[in-house]
């Protein structure tokens, strides 16, 4: 088993005194892509926000290993401090600054280390070359797929060890969704570990190495993604059903 870059143990989180996540545990191994699936209302997005320090009401243990293997307890840190340690997140909504240019969005992503902007930008352009051709365009003028790629590129500008994504295919046409998943595989192959929540469960498990199924704020099932795709219980309950309506 590869060493974990991110480990979550007994995570509890919620909003306004209401507990949504009730003891979730998960691990992201170095260089791997991990998918979290489950019905709407199961706490998937809340888990990501809690890991990234966006929720004040949270408890549990979240450990990040740096490039030298040293563990850091990030469970009580805010998002900017977590970013500085090597984790960045692409939220589902409001993930770019629409009135700013593509270049300005990328510059914001590199704020923690402006001295390395050029080197990091070239690394991002190697994976997302389309961004280099529209640096002067306002983000508001981009297509949905282009905006999502900009959001991912902005996050990559901080040179994260772990990239967290909340519903990366949401609102995109099927062909564009496939392109997004292909790019995520390419980013993962470059050495960036990925943790993503995705409603397009079959496709997420098809590109991930490992998967977790959440239900009612708790771990329900887990295993290698390819095995979950063939698991009769997963297919019956989560891959073939019409998802319940409710907050993620």
C-alpha atoms as a PDB file:
ATOM      1  CA  UNK A   1       0.000   0.000   0.000  1.00  0.00           C
ATOM      2  CA  UNK A   2       1.307   3.462  -0.932  1.00  0.00           C
ATOM      3  CA  UNK A   3       1.747   6.056   1.783  1.00  0.00           C
ATOM      4  CA  UNK A   4      -1.244   8.289   2.346  1.00  0.00           C
ATOM      5  CA  UNK A   5      -0.905  11.966   1.474  1.00  0.00           C
ATOM      6  CA  UNK A   6      -4.239  12.832   3.105  1.00  0.00           C
ATOM      7  CA  UNK A   7      -5.976  10.938   5.898  1.00  0.00           C
ATOM      8  CA  UNK A   8      -9.347  11.815   7.434  1.00  0.00           C
ATOM      9  CA  UNK A   9     -10.481  10.139  10.637  1.00  0.00           C
ATOM     10  CA  UNK A  10     -13.888  10.391  12.331  1.00  0.00           C
ATOM     11  CA  UNK A  11     -14.814  13.673  10.655  1.00  0.00           C
ATOM     12  CA  UNK A  12     -17.921  15.483  11.927  1.00  0.00           C
ATOM     13  CA  UNK A  13     -19.194  18.675  10.295  1.00  0.00           C
ATOM     14  CA  UNK A  14     -22.356  20.645   9.669  1.00  0.00           C
ATOM     15  CA  UNK A  15     -24.067  23.990   9.418  1.00  0.00           C
ATOM     16  CA  UNK A  16     -25.720  26.103  12.074  1.00  0.00           C
ATOM     17  CA  UNK A  17     -25.658  23.410  14.712  1.00  0.00           C
ATOM     18  CA  UNK A  18     -26.994  20.721  12.373  1.00  0.00           C
ATOM     19  CA  UNK A  19     -24.614  17.788  11.963  1.00  0.00           C
ATOM     20  CA  UNK A  20     -24.415  16.617   8.323  1.00  0.00           C
ATOM     21  CA  UNK A  21     -21.234  14.530   8.384  1.00  0.00           C
ATOM     22  CA  UNK A  22     -21.206  12.010  11.219  1.00  0.00           C
ATOM     23  CA  UNK A  23     -17.868  10.293  11.553  1.00  0.00           C
ATOM     24  CA  UNK A  24     -16.555   9.913   7.999  1.00  0.00           C
ATOM     25  CA  UNK A  25     -13.080   8.462   7.500  1.00  0.00           C
ATOM     26  CA  UNK A  26     -11.140   8.235   4.241  1.00  0.00           C
ATOM     27  CA  UNK A  27      -7.607   8.079   2.869  1.00  0.00           C
ATOM     28  CA  UNK A  28      -5.996   9.448  -0.290  1.00  0.00           C
ATOM     29  CA  UNK A  29      -2.812   7.612  -1.188  1.00  0.00           C
ATOM     30  CA  UNK A  30       0.020   9.521  -2.809  1.00  0.00           C
ATOM     31  CA  UNK A  31      -0.459   9.846  -6.559  1.00  0.00           C
ATOM     32  CA  UNK A  32      -3.941   8.333  -6.562  1.00  0.00           C
ATOM     33  CA  UNK A  33      -7.392   9.590  -7.543  1.00  0.00           C
ATOM     34  CA  UNK A  34     -10.193   8.978  -5.053  1.00  0.00           C
ATOM     35  CA  UNK A  35     -13.899   9.448  -5.780  1.00  0.00           C
ATOM     36  CA  UNK A  36     -16.663  10.033  -3.239  1.00  0.00           C
ATOM     37  CA  UNK A  37     -20.135   9.088  -4.439  1.00  0.00           C
ATOM     38  CA  UNK A  38     -23.542   8.679  -2.852  1.00  0.00           C
ATOM     39  CA  UNK A  39     -27.073  10.063  -2.958  1.00  0.00           C
ATOM     40  CA  UNK A  40     -27.856  13.748  -2.613  1.00  0.00           C
ATOM     41  CA  UNK A  41     -27.911  14.746   1.026  1.00  0.00           C
ATOM     42  CA  UNK A  42     -25.287  12.177   2.035  1.00  0.00           C
ATOM     43  CA  UNK A  43     -22.754  14.827   3.065  1.00  0.00           C
ATOM     44  CA  UNK A  44     -20.300  14.517   0.165  1.00  0.00           C
ATOM     45  CA  UNK A  45     -19.683  18.215  -0.458  1.00  0.00           C
ATOM     46  CA  UNK A  46     -19.729  18.931   3.262  1.00  0.00           C
ATOM     47  CA  UNK A  47     -16.831  16.494   3.722  1.00  0.00           C
ATOM     48  CA  UNK A  48     -14.751  18.420   1.175  1.00  0.00           C
ATOM     49  CA  UNK A  49     -15.529  21.787   2.741  1.00  0.00           C
ATOM     50  CA  UNK A  50     -14.621  20.487   6.182  1.00  0.00           C
ATOM     51  CA  UNK A  51     -11.319  19.039   4.966  1.00  0.00           C
ATOM     52  CA  UNK A  52     -10.437  22.357   3.318  1.00  0.00           C
ATOM     53  CA  UNK A  53     -11.241  24.419   6.390  1.00  0.00           C
ATOM     54  CA  UNK A  54     -14.337  26.152   5.010  1.00  0.00           C
ATOM     55  CA  UNK A  55     -16.631  25.054   7.844  1.00  0.00           C
ATOM     56  CA  UNK A  56     -16.182  26.389  11.382  1.00  0.00           C
ATOM     57  CA  UNK A  57     -18.240  23.567  12.856  1.00  0.00           C
ATOM     58  CA  UNK A  58     -16.106  20.491  12.431  1.00  0.00           C
ATOM     59  CA  UNK A  59     -14.218  17.964  14.497  1.00  0.00           C
ATOM     60  CA  UNK A  60     -12.104  14.932  13.780  1.00  0.00           C
ATOM     61  CA  UNK A  61      -8.587  14.430  12.511  1.00  0.00           C
ATOM     62  CA  UNK A  62      -7.287  15.509   9.100  1.00  0.00           C
ATOM     63  CA  UNK A  63      -3.614  14.776   8.407  1.00  0.00           C
ATOM     64  CA  UNK A  64      -1.589  15.926   5.401  1.00  0.00           C
ATOM     65  CA  UNK A  65       1.880  14.594   4.596  1.00  0.00           C
ATOM     66  CA  UNK A  66       4.294  16.998   2.967  1.00  0.00           C
ATOM     67  CA  UNK A  67       6.783  16.133   0.210  1.00  0.00           C
ATOM     68  CA  UNK A  68       9.253  14.839   2.814  1.00  0.00           C
ATOM     69  CA  UNK A  69       6.642  12.591   4.423  1.00  0.00           C
ATOM     70  CA  UNK A  70       6.208  14.699   7.549  1.00  0.00           C
ATOM     71  CA  UNK A  71       2.603  14.714   8.859  1.00  0.00           C
ATOM     72  CA  UNK A  72       0.723  17.952   9.505  1.00  0.00           C
ATOM     73  CA  UNK A  73      -2.512  18.170  11.457  1.00  0.00           C
ATOM     74  CA  UNK A  74      -4.696  20.497   9.348  1.00  0.00           C
ATOM     75  CA  UNK A  75      -7.970  19.832  11.150  1.00  0.00           C
ATOM     76  CA  UNK A  76      -8.068  23.244  12.836  1.00  0.00           C
ATOM     77  CA  UNK A  77      -6.577  25.330  10.045  1.00  0.00           C
ATOM     78  CA  UNK A  78      -8.345  27.782   7.744  1.00  0.00           C
ATOM     79  CA  UNK A  79      -8.345  27.397   3.966  1.00  0.00           C
ATOM     80  CA  UNK A  80      -5.471  29.784   3.198  1.00  0.00           C
ATOM     81  CA  UNK A  81      -3.162  27.948   5.623  1.00  0.00           C
ATOM     82  CA  UNK A  82      -4.187  24.575   4.180  1.00  0.00           C
ATOM     83  CA  UNK A  83      -3.433  25.885   0.671  1.00  0.00           C
ATOM     84  CA  UNK A  84       0.029  26.969   1.799  1.00  0.00           C
ATOM     85  CA  UNK A  85       0.700  23.412   3.019  1.00  0.00           C
ATOM     86  CA  UNK A  86      -0.209  21.842  -0.342  1.00  0.00           C
ATOM     87  CA  UNK A  87      -3.968  21.347  -0.711  1.00  0.00           C
ATOM     88  CA  UNK A  88      -6.264  23.334  -2.993  1.00  0.00           C
ATOM     89  CA  UNK A  89      -9.945  23.024  -3.811  1.00  0.00           C
ATOM     90  CA  UNK A  90     -12.131  23.731  -6.834  1.00  0.00           C
ATOM     91  CA  UNK A  91     -15.688  24.323  -5.576  1.00  0.00           C
ATOM     92  CA  UNK A  92     -18.720  23.496  -7.669  1.00  0.00           C
ATOM     93  CA  UNK A  93     -19.950  27.096  -7.852  1.00  0.00           C
ATOM     94  CA  UNK A  94     -18.189  30.480  -7.922  1.00  0.00           C
ATOM     95  CA  UNK A  95     -14.878  28.843  -8.766  1.00  0.00           C
ATOM     96  CA  UNK A  96     -13.517  31.673 -10.970  1.00  0.00           C
ATOM     97  CA  UNK A  97     -13.576  35.466 -10.811  1.00  0.00           C
ATOM     98  CA  UNK A  98     -15.855  36.220 -13.791  1.00  0.00           C
ATOM     99  CA  UNK A  99     -14.966  39.896 -14.265  1.00  0.00           C
ATOM    100  CA  UNK A 100     -11.252  39.204 -14.253  1.00  0.00           C
ATOM    101  CA  UNK A 101      -9.220  37.903 -17.157  1.00  0.00           C
ATOM    102  CA  UNK A 102      -7.912  34.373 -17.435  1.00  0.00           C
ATOM    103  CA  UNK A 103      -4.435  35.712 -16.654  1.00  0.00           C
ATOM    104  CA  UNK A 104      -5.667  37.547 -13.559  1.00  0.00           C
ATOM    105  CA  UNK A 105      -7.417  34.421 -12.308  1.00  0.00           C
ATOM    106  CA  UNK A 106      -4.167  32.488 -12.668  1.00  0.00           C
ATOM    107  CA  UNK A 107      -2.248  35.250 -10.900  1.00  0.00           C
ATOM    108  CA  UNK A 108      -4.622  35.014  -7.949  1.00  0.00           C
ATOM    109  CA  UNK A 109      -3.982  31.280  -7.829  1.00  0.00           C
ATOM    110  CA  UNK A 110      -0.257  31.981  -7.471  1.00  0.00           C
ATOM    111  CA  UNK A 111      -0.559  34.693  -4.802  1.00  0.00           C
ATOM    112  CA  UNK A 112       1.239  32.597  -2.204  1.00  0.00           C
ATOM    113  CA  UNK A 113       4.394  32.551  -4.354  1.00  0.00           C
ATOM    114  CA  UNK A 114       4.355  35.151  -7.120  1.00  0.00           C
ATOM    115  CA  UNK A 115       8.079  34.653  -7.750  1.00  0.00           C
ATOM    116  CA  UNK A 116       7.354  31.277  -9.321  1.00  0.00           C
ATOM    117  CA  UNK A 117       4.413  32.442 -11.433  1.00  0.00           C
ATOM    118  CA  UNK A 118       6.048  31.924 -14.836  1.00  0.00           C
ATOM    119  CA  UNK A 119       7.303  28.428 -14.032  1.00  0.00           C
ATOM    120  CA  UNK A 120       3.990  27.329 -12.583  1.00  0.00           C
ATOM    121  CA  UNK A 121       2.006  28.888 -15.436  1.00  0.00           C
ATOM    122  CA  UNK A 122       4.034  26.968 -18.022  1.00  0.00           C
ATOM    123  CA  UNK A 123       3.414  23.754 -16.081  1.00  0.00           C
ATOM    124  CA  UNK A 124      -0.337  24.479 -16.083  1.00  0.00           C
ATOM    125  CA  UNK A 125      -0.292  25.324 -19.802  1.00  0.00           C
ATOM    126  CA  UNK A 126       1.411  22.005 -20.540  1.00  0.00           C
ATOM    127  CA  UNK A 127      -1.699  20.255 -19.222  1.00  0.00           C
ATOM    128  CA  UNK A 128      -4.303  22.898 -20.128  1.00  0.00           C
ATOM    129  CA  UNK A 129      -2.901  24.517 -23.302  1.00  0.00           C
ATOM    130  CA  UNK A 130      -6.217  26.157 -24.170  1.00  0.00           C
ATOM    131  CA  UNK A 131      -5.766  28.588 -21.292  1.00  0.00           C
ATOM    132  CA  UNK A 132      -2.627  30.049 -22.865  1.00  0.00           C
ATOM    133  CA  UNK A 133      -4.575  31.086 -25.971  1.00  0.00           C
ATOM    134  CA  UNK A 134      -7.135  33.186 -24.051  1.00  0.00           C
ATOM    135  CA  UNK A 135      -5.193  34.923 -21.307  1.00  0.00           C
ATOM    136  CA  UNK A 136      -6.770  38.324 -22.036  1.00  0.00           C
ATOM    137  CA  UNK A 137     -10.358  37.071 -22.165  1.00  0.00           C
ATOM    138  CA  UNK A 138     -12.681  37.774 -19.270  1.00  0.00           C
ATOM    139  CA  UNK A 139     -13.642  34.611 -17.447  1.00  0.00           C
ATOM    140  CA  UNK A 140     -17.316  35.583 -17.842  1.00  0.00           C
ATOM    141  CA  UNK A 141     -17.038  35.137 -21.617  1.00  0.00           C
ATOM    142  CA  UNK A 142     -15.784  31.552 -21.430  1.00  0.00           C
ATOM    143  CA  UNK A 143     -17.880  28.457 -22.047  1.00  0.00           C
ATOM    144  CA  UNK A 144     -18.784  26.209 -19.134  1.00  0.00           C
ATOM    145  CA  UNK A 145     -16.023  23.759 -19.947  1.00  0.00           C
ATOM    146  CA  UNK A 146     -13.451  26.515 -20.368  1.00  0.00           C
ATOM    147  CA  UNK A 147     -14.429  28.009 -17.016  1.00  0.00           C
ATOM    148  CA  UNK A 148     -14.013  24.657 -15.327  1.00  0.00           C
ATOM    149  CA  UNK A 149     -10.567  24.248 -16.847  1.00  0.00           C
ATOM    150  CA  UNK A 150      -9.678  27.762 -15.680  1.00  0.00           C
ATOM    151  CA  UNK A 151     -10.854  26.899 -12.172  1.00  0.00           C
ATOM    152  CA  UNK A 152      -8.656  23.803 -12.191  1.00  0.00           C
ATOM    153  CA  UNK A 153      -5.736  25.782 -13.625  1.00  0.00           C
ATOM    154  CA  UNK A 154      -6.118  28.477 -10.961  1.00  0.00           C
ATOM    155  CA  UNK A 155      -5.966  25.807  -8.248  1.00  0.00           C
ATOM    156  CA  UNK A 156      -2.917  24.168  -9.843  1.00  0.00           C
ATOM    157  CA  UNK A 157      -1.065  27.499  -9.724  1.00  0.00           C
ATOM    158  CA  UNK A 158      -0.496  26.925  -5.996  1.00  0.00           C
ATOM    159  CA  UNK A 159       1.373  23.704  -6.889  1.00  0.00           C
ATOM    160  CA  UNK A 160      -0.797  21.461  -4.696  1.00  0.00           C
ATOM    161  CA  UNK A 161       0.056  17.921  -3.647  1.00  0.00           C
ATOM    162  CA  UNK A 162      -3.686  17.278  -3.277  1.00  0.00           C
ATOM    163  CA  UNK A 163      -6.397  18.720  -5.527  1.00  0.00           C
ATOM    164  CA  UNK A 164      -9.968  18.600  -4.185  1.00  0.00           C
ATOM    165  CA  UNK A 165     -12.856  18.928  -6.643  1.00  0.00           C
ATOM    166  CA  UNK A 166     -16.557  19.296  -5.910  1.00  0.00           C
ATOM    167  CA  UNK A 167     -18.730  18.081  -8.809  1.00  0.00           C
ATOM    168  CA  UNK A 168     -16.266  18.905 -11.624  1.00  0.00           C
ATOM    169  CA  UNK A 169     -18.721  17.776 -14.338  1.00  0.00           C
ATOM    170  CA  UNK A 170     -21.768  19.662 -13.016  1.00  0.00           C
ATOM    171  CA  UNK A 171     -23.696  21.595 -15.656  1.00  0.00           C
ATOM    172  CA  UNK A 172     -21.483  20.533 -18.543  1.00  0.00           C
ATOM    173  CA  UNK A 173     -22.483  18.811 -21.766  1.00  0.00           C
ATOM    174  CA  UNK A 174     -21.625  15.077 -21.862  1.00  0.00           C
ATOM    175  CA  UNK A 175     -18.779  15.525 -24.336  1.00  0.00           C
ATOM    176  CA  UNK A 176     -17.275  18.298 -22.200  1.00  0.00           C
ATOM    177  CA  UNK A 177     -17.682  16.165 -19.075  1.00  0.00           C
ATOM    178  CA  UNK A 178     -15.622  13.444 -20.739  1.00  0.00           C
ATOM    179  CA  UNK A 179     -12.940  16.015 -21.587  1.00  0.00           C
ATOM    180  CA  UNK A 180     -12.844  17.206 -17.966  1.00  0.00           C
ATOM    181  CA  UNK A 181     -12.413  13.655 -16.663  1.00  0.00           C
ATOM    182  CA  UNK A 182      -9.647  13.010 -19.200  1.00  0.00           C
ATOM    183  CA  UNK A 183      -7.812  16.145 -18.054  1.00  0.00           C
ATOM    184  CA  UNK A 184      -8.155  15.108 -14.422  1.00  0.00           C
ATOM    185  CA  UNK A 185      -6.550  11.765 -15.268  1.00  0.00           C
ATOM    186  CA  UNK A 186      -3.702  13.630 -16.955  1.00  0.00           C
ATOM    187  CA  UNK A 187      -3.236  15.899 -13.922  1.00  0.00           C
ATOM    188  CA  UNK A 188      -3.272  12.885 -11.625  1.00  0.00           C
ATOM    189  CA  UNK A 189      -0.700  11.115 -13.813  1.00  0.00           C
ATOM    190  CA  UNK A 190       1.584  14.144 -13.402  1.00  0.00           C
ATOM    191  CA  UNK A 191       1.785  13.409  -9.673  1.00  0.00           C
ATOM    192  CA  UNK A 192      -1.085  15.407  -8.165  1.00  0.00           C
ATOM    193  CA  UNK A 193      -3.298  13.349  -5.861  1.00  0.00           C
ATOM    194  CA  UNK A 194      -7.012  14.003  -6.401  1.00  0.00           C
ATOM    195  CA  UNK A 195     -10.053  13.747  -4.137  1.00  0.00           C
ATOM    196  CA  UNK A 196     -13.355  14.448  -5.865  1.00  0.00           C
ATOM    197  CA  UNK A 197     -17.060  14.367  -5.188  1.00  0.00           C
ATOM    198  CA  UNK A 198     -19.095  13.526  -8.264  1.00  0.00           C
ATOM    199  CA  UNK A 199     -22.756  12.799  -9.014  1.00  0.00           C
ATOM    200  CA  UNK A 200     -21.783  11.180 -12.312  1.00  0.00           C
ATOM    201  CA  UNK A 201     -20.859   8.147 -10.268  1.00  0.00           C
ATOM    202  CA  UNK A 202     -20.104   5.594 -12.982  1.00  0.00           C
ATOM    203  CA  UNK A 203     -17.749   7.919 -14.820  1.00  0.00           C
ATOM    204  CA  UNK A 204     -16.035   8.994 -11.602  1.00  0.00           C
ATOM    205  CA  UNK A 205     -15.372   5.398 -10.566  1.00  0.00           C
ATOM    206  CA  UNK A 206     -14.184   4.601 -14.092  1.00  0.00           C
ATOM    207  CA  UNK A 207     -11.290   7.091 -13.786  1.00  0.00           C
ATOM    208  CA  UNK A 208     -10.581   6.809 -10.039  1.00  0.00           C
ATOM    209  CA  UNK A 209      -8.319   4.321  -8.289  1.00  0.00           C
ATOM    210  CA  UNK A 210     -10.400   4.063  -5.111  1.00  0.00           C
ATOM    211  CA  UNK A 211     -13.925   4.989  -4.122  1.00  0.00           C
ATOM    212  CA  UNK A 212     -15.994   5.776  -1.051  1.00  0.00           C
ATOM    213  CA  UNK A 213     -19.773   5.592  -0.873  1.00  0.00           C
ATOM    214  CA  UNK A 214     -21.396   7.885   1.674  1.00  0.00           C
ATOM    215  CA  UNK A 215     -24.977   7.656   2.889  1.00  0.00           C
ATOM    216  CA  UNK A 216     -26.672   9.831   5.527  1.00  0.00           C
ATOM    217  CA  UNK A 217     -23.368  11.420   6.537  1.00  0.00           C
ATOM    218  CA  UNK A 218     -21.542   8.154   7.169  1.00  0.00           C
ATOM    219  CA  UNK A 219     -19.269   5.709   5.354  1.00  0.00           C
ATOM    220  CA  UNK A 220     -21.389   3.048   3.671  1.00  0.00           C
ATOM    221  CA  UNK A 221     -18.974   1.206   1.374  1.00  0.00           C
ATOM    222  CA  UNK A 222     -15.439   1.562   0.067  1.00  0.00           C
ATOM    223  CA  UNK A 223     -12.996  -0.261  -2.147  1.00  0.00           C
ATOM    224  CA  UNK A 224     -11.007  -0.165  -5.388  1.00  0.00           C
ATOM    225  CA  UNK A 225     -13.075   1.844  -7.865  1.00  0.00           C
ATOM    226  CA  UNK A 226     -13.170  -0.963 -10.426  1.00  0.00           C
ATOM    227  CA  UNK A 227     -14.608  -3.320  -7.832  1.00  0.00           C
ATOM    228  CA  UNK A 228     -17.273  -0.834  -6.755  1.00  0.00           C
ATOM    229  CA  UNK A 229     -18.358  -0.528 -10.382  1.00  0.00           C
ATOM    230  CA  UNK A 230     -19.062  -4.269 -10.411  1.00  0.00           C
ATOM    231  CA  UNK A 231     -20.502  -4.503  -6.900  1.00  0.00           C
ATOM    232  CA  UNK A 232     -24.174  -5.536  -7.100  1.00  0.00           C
ATOM    233  CA  UNK A 233     -25.118  -3.499  -4.038  1.00  0.00           C
ATOM    234  CA  UNK A 234     -23.424  -0.352  -5.354  1.00  0.00           C
ATOM    235  CA  UNK A 235     -25.041  -0.773  -8.767  1.00  0.00           C
ATOM    236  CA  UNK A 236     -28.473  -1.378  -7.266  1.00  0.00           C
ATOM    237  CA  UNK A 237     -28.392   1.390  -4.671  1.00  0.00           C
ATOM    238  CA  UNK A 238     -26.205   4.097  -6.168  1.00  0.00           C
ATOM    239  CA  UNK A 239     -25.427   3.603  -9.845  1.00  0.00           C
ATOM    240  CA  UNK A 240     -28.836   2.595 -11.154  1.00  0.00           C
ATOM    241  CA  UNK A 241     -31.092   4.694  -8.934  1.00  0.00           C
ATOM    242  CA  UNK A 242     -32.533   8.138  -9.332  1.00  0.00           C
ATOM    243  CA  UNK A 243     -30.716  10.177  -6.713  1.00  0.00           C
ATOM    244  CA  UNK A 244     -32.740  11.675  -3.883  1.00  0.00           C
ATOM    245  CA  UNK A 245     -33.249  15.431  -4.024  1.00  0.00           C
ATOM    246  CA  UNK A 246     -31.587  17.421  -1.258  1.00  0.00           C
ATOM    247  CA  UNK A 247     -28.436  19.310  -0.291  1.00  0.00           C
ATOM    248  CA  UNK A 248     -25.142  17.625  -1.048  1.00  0.00           C
END
